[in-house]
C-alpha atoms as a PDB file:
ATOM      1  CA  THR A   1    -266.598   3.810 -90.094  1.00  0.00           C
ATOM      2  CA  ALA A   2    -265.128   2.476 -86.945  1.00  0.00           C
ATOM      3  CA  ALA A   3    -265.551   4.370 -83.729  1.00  0.00           C
ATOM      4  CA  ALA A   4    -262.402   6.057 -82.471  1.00  0.00           C
ATOM      5  CA  ILE A   5    -260.833   4.432 -79.439  1.00  0.00           C
ATOM      6  CA  PRO A   6    -260.065   7.031 -76.779  1.00  0.00           C
ATOM      7  CA  ARG A   7    -256.377   7.372 -75.922  1.00  0.00           C
ATOM      8  CA  THR A   8    -255.337   7.236 -72.327  1.00  0.00           C
ATOM      9  CA  THR A   9    -252.247   8.918 -71.035  1.00  0.00           C
ATOM     10  CA  LEU A  10    -250.028   6.765 -68.869  1.00  0.00           C
ATOM     11  CA  ALA A  11    -248.446   8.476 -65.921  1.00  0.00           C
ATOM     12  CA  GLN A  12    -244.679   8.744 -66.190  1.00  0.00           C
ATOM     13  CA  PRO A  13    -242.864   6.930 -63.374  1.00  0.00           C
ATOM     14  CA  LEU A  14    -241.168   9.163 -60.879  1.00  0.00           C
ATOM     15  CA  LEU A  15    -237.417   8.892 -61.188  1.00  0.00           C
ATOM     16  CA  PRO A  16    -235.069   9.707 -58.350  1.00  0.00           C
ATOM     17  CA  THR A  17    -233.278  13.017 -58.598  1.00  0.00           C
ATOM     18  CA  GLU A  18    -230.092  11.579 -57.086  1.00  0.00           C
ATOM     19  CA  VAL A  19    -228.114   8.526 -58.099  1.00  0.00           C
ATOM     20  CA  THR A  20    -226.255   6.394 -55.607  1.00  0.00           C
ATOM     21  CA  VAL A  21    -222.842   5.299 -56.854  1.00  0.00           C
ATOM     22  CA  LEU A  22    -221.729   1.987 -55.415  1.00  0.00           C
ATOM     23  CA  PRO A  23    -218.064   1.007 -55.253  1.00  0.00           C
ATOM     24  CA  ILE A  24    -216.880  -1.543 -57.772  1.00  0.00           C
ATOM     25  CA  GLU A  25    -215.284  -4.603 -56.258  1.00  0.00           C
ATOM     26  CA  THR A  26    -211.831  -5.148 -57.599  1.00  0.00           C
ATOM     27  CA  SER A  27    -211.179  -8.386 -59.381  1.00  0.00           C
ATOM     28  CA  GLU A  28    -208.101 -10.091 -60.724  1.00  0.00           C
ATOM     29  CA  ILE A  29    -207.621 -12.167 -63.859  1.00  0.00           C
ATOM     30  CA  PHE A  30    -205.453 -15.291 -63.799  1.00  0.00           C
ATOM     31  CA  VAL A  31    -204.558 -18.027 -66.246  1.00  0.00           C
ATOM     32  CA  GLN A  32    -205.049 -21.278 -64.373  1.00  0.00           C
ATOM     33  CA  VAL A  33    -202.786 -23.849 -65.968  1.00  0.00           C
ATOM     34  CA  GLY A  34    -203.417 -26.847 -63.748  1.00  0.00           C
ATOM     35  CA  ALA A  35    -204.428 -28.341 -60.423  1.00  0.00           C
ATOM     36  CA  PHE A  36    -202.657 -31.366 -59.006  1.00  0.00           C
ATOM     37  CA  GLY A  37    -202.948 -33.677 -56.052  1.00  0.00           C
ATOM     38  CA  ASP A  38    -199.157 -33.994 -56.028  1.00  0.00           C
ATOM     39  CA  PHE A  39    -197.096 -30.908 -55.193  1.00  0.00           C
ATOM     40  CA  GLY A  40    -194.195 -32.150 -57.330  1.00  0.00           C
ATOM     41  CA  ASN A  41    -196.378 -32.092 -60.459  1.00  0.00           C
ATOM     42  CA  ALA A  42    -197.437 -28.533 -59.674  1.00  0.00           C
ATOM     43  CA  LEU A  43    -193.779 -27.514 -59.281  1.00  0.00           C
ATOM     44  CA  ARG A  44    -192.832 -29.080 -62.627  1.00  0.00           C
ATOM     45  CA  LEU A  45    -195.576 -27.207 -64.480  1.00  0.00           C
ATOM     46  CA  ARG A  46    -194.742 -23.953 -62.718  1.00  0.00           C
ATOM     47  CA  ASP A  47    -191.090 -24.363 -63.702  1.00  0.00           C
ATOM     48  CA  GLN A  48    -192.085 -25.134 -67.320  1.00  0.00           C
ATOM     49  CA  LEU A  49    -194.087 -21.881 -67.571  1.00  0.00           C
ATOM     50  CA  PHE A  50    -191.975 -19.669 -65.310  1.00  0.00           C
ATOM     51  CA  ASP A  51    -190.630 -17.544 -68.189  1.00  0.00           C
ATOM     52  CA  LEU A  52    -194.161 -16.570 -69.297  1.00  0.00           C
ATOM     53  CA  GLY A  53    -194.900 -14.405 -66.270  1.00  0.00           C
ATOM     54  CA  THR A  54    -195.627 -14.318 -62.571  1.00  0.00           C
ATOM     55  CA  THR A  55    -196.463 -17.827 -61.411  1.00  0.00           C
ATOM     56  CA  SER A  56    -197.957 -19.072 -58.184  1.00  0.00           C
ATOM     57  CA  ILE A  57    -198.899 -22.337 -56.558  1.00  0.00           C
ATOM     58  CA  SER A  58    -201.690 -22.255 -54.013  1.00  0.00           C
ATOM     59  CA  ARG A  59    -203.025 -25.063 -51.875  1.00  0.00           C
ATOM     60  CA  VAL A  60    -206.795 -25.495 -52.180  1.00  0.00           C
ATOM     61  CA  ARG A  61    -208.999 -27.826 -50.174  1.00  0.00           C
ATOM     62  CA  THR A  62    -212.216 -29.123 -51.744  1.00  0.00           C
ATOM     63  CA  GLY A  63    -214.093 -31.306 -49.305  1.00  0.00           C
ATOM     64  CA  GLU A  64    -211.645 -34.020 -48.273  1.00  0.00           C
ATOM     65  CA  ALA A  65    -209.304 -33.505 -51.235  1.00  0.00           C
ATOM     66  CA  GLU A  66    -206.359 -31.128 -51.353  1.00  0.00           C
ATOM     67  CA  PHE A  67    -205.020 -29.716 -54.625  1.00  0.00           C
ATOM     68  CA  TYR A  68    -202.120 -27.539 -55.673  1.00  0.00           C
ATOM     69  CA  ARG A  69    -203.345 -24.957 -58.158  1.00  0.00           C
ATOM     70  CA  VAL A  70    -200.876 -23.418 -60.621  1.00  0.00           C
ATOM     71  CA  ARG A  71    -201.686 -19.953 -61.976  1.00  0.00           C
ATOM     72  CA  LEU A  72    -200.091 -17.162 -63.953  1.00  0.00           C
ATOM     73  CA  GLY A  73    -201.005 -13.609 -63.076  1.00  0.00           C
ATOM     74  CA  PRO A  74    -202.746 -11.530 -61.943  1.00  0.00           C
ATOM     75  CA  LEU A  75    -203.149  -9.731 -65.265  1.00  0.00           C
ATOM     76  CA  ASN A  76    -204.281  -6.159 -65.830  1.00  0.00           C
ATOM     77  CA  ASN A  77    -206.930  -6.722 -68.485  1.00  0.00           C
ATOM     78  CA  VAL A  78    -208.712  -9.284 -70.621  1.00  0.00           C
ATOM     79  CA  ARG A  79    -206.558  -8.585 -73.686  1.00  0.00           C
ATOM     80  CA  SER A  80    -203.381  -9.430 -71.728  1.00  0.00           C
ATOM     81  CA  ALA A  81    -205.035 -12.501 -70.262  1.00  0.00           C
ATOM     82  CA  ASP A  82    -206.095 -13.754 -73.706  1.00  0.00           C
ATOM     83  CA  ALA A  83    -202.581 -13.213 -75.063  1.00  0.00           C
ATOM     84  CA  LEU A  84    -201.029 -15.109 -72.149  1.00  0.00           C
ATOM     85  CA  LEU A  85    -203.554 -17.912 -72.536  1.00  0.00           C
ATOM     86  CA  ALA A  86    -202.440 -18.267 -76.177  1.00  0.00           C
ATOM     87  CA  GLU A  87    -198.777 -18.376 -75.089  1.00  0.00           C
ATOM     88  CA  VAL A  88    -199.587 -21.075 -72.542  1.00  0.00           C
ATOM     89  CA  ALA A  89    -201.303 -23.129 -75.251  1.00  0.00           C
ATOM     90  CA  GLU A  90    -198.248 -22.715 -77.509  1.00  0.00           C
ATOM     91  CA  ALA A  91    -196.113 -23.981 -74.609  1.00  0.00           C
ATOM     92  CA  GLY A  92    -198.128 -27.218 -74.661  1.00  0.00           C
ATOM     93  CA  VAL A  93    -200.712 -26.657 -71.932  1.00  0.00           C
ATOM     94  CA  SER A  94    -204.003 -27.036 -73.778  1.00  0.00           C
ATOM     95  CA  ASN A  95    -206.407 -27.199 -70.835  1.00  0.00           C
ATOM     96  CA  ALA A  96    -205.551 -23.813 -69.277  1.00  0.00           C
ATOM     97  CA  GLN A  97    -208.393 -21.391 -68.596  1.00  0.00           C
ATOM     98  CA  LEU A  98    -209.005 -17.825 -67.519  1.00  0.00           C
ATOM     99  CA  VAL A  99    -210.194 -17.285 -63.960  1.00  0.00           C
ATOM    100  CA  VAL A 100    -211.554 -14.037 -62.539  1.00  0.00           C
ATOM    101  CA  GLU A 101    -211.579 -13.585 -58.777  1.00  0.00           C
END
């Protein structure tokens, strides 16, 4: 018969009695439909998708380059964002993507 191996009891870690609740940073969901070096192209796409929801064009600088970003939103939840993304694809914009900021 094999000798019994003695069991050792591990000490339970001490857990805090109070929990600190940290604030959640708010975020917004957008459907980004394009980014253009030419403002006129951004305007044309915005006008094409205007009926789908709130649209915006924002100027963004990346290094030396400047772009005009076209977005729809902000949207309240992921389900709404997914539905709008599908509508954008049906409208002919296949490279749109969801952006959370």
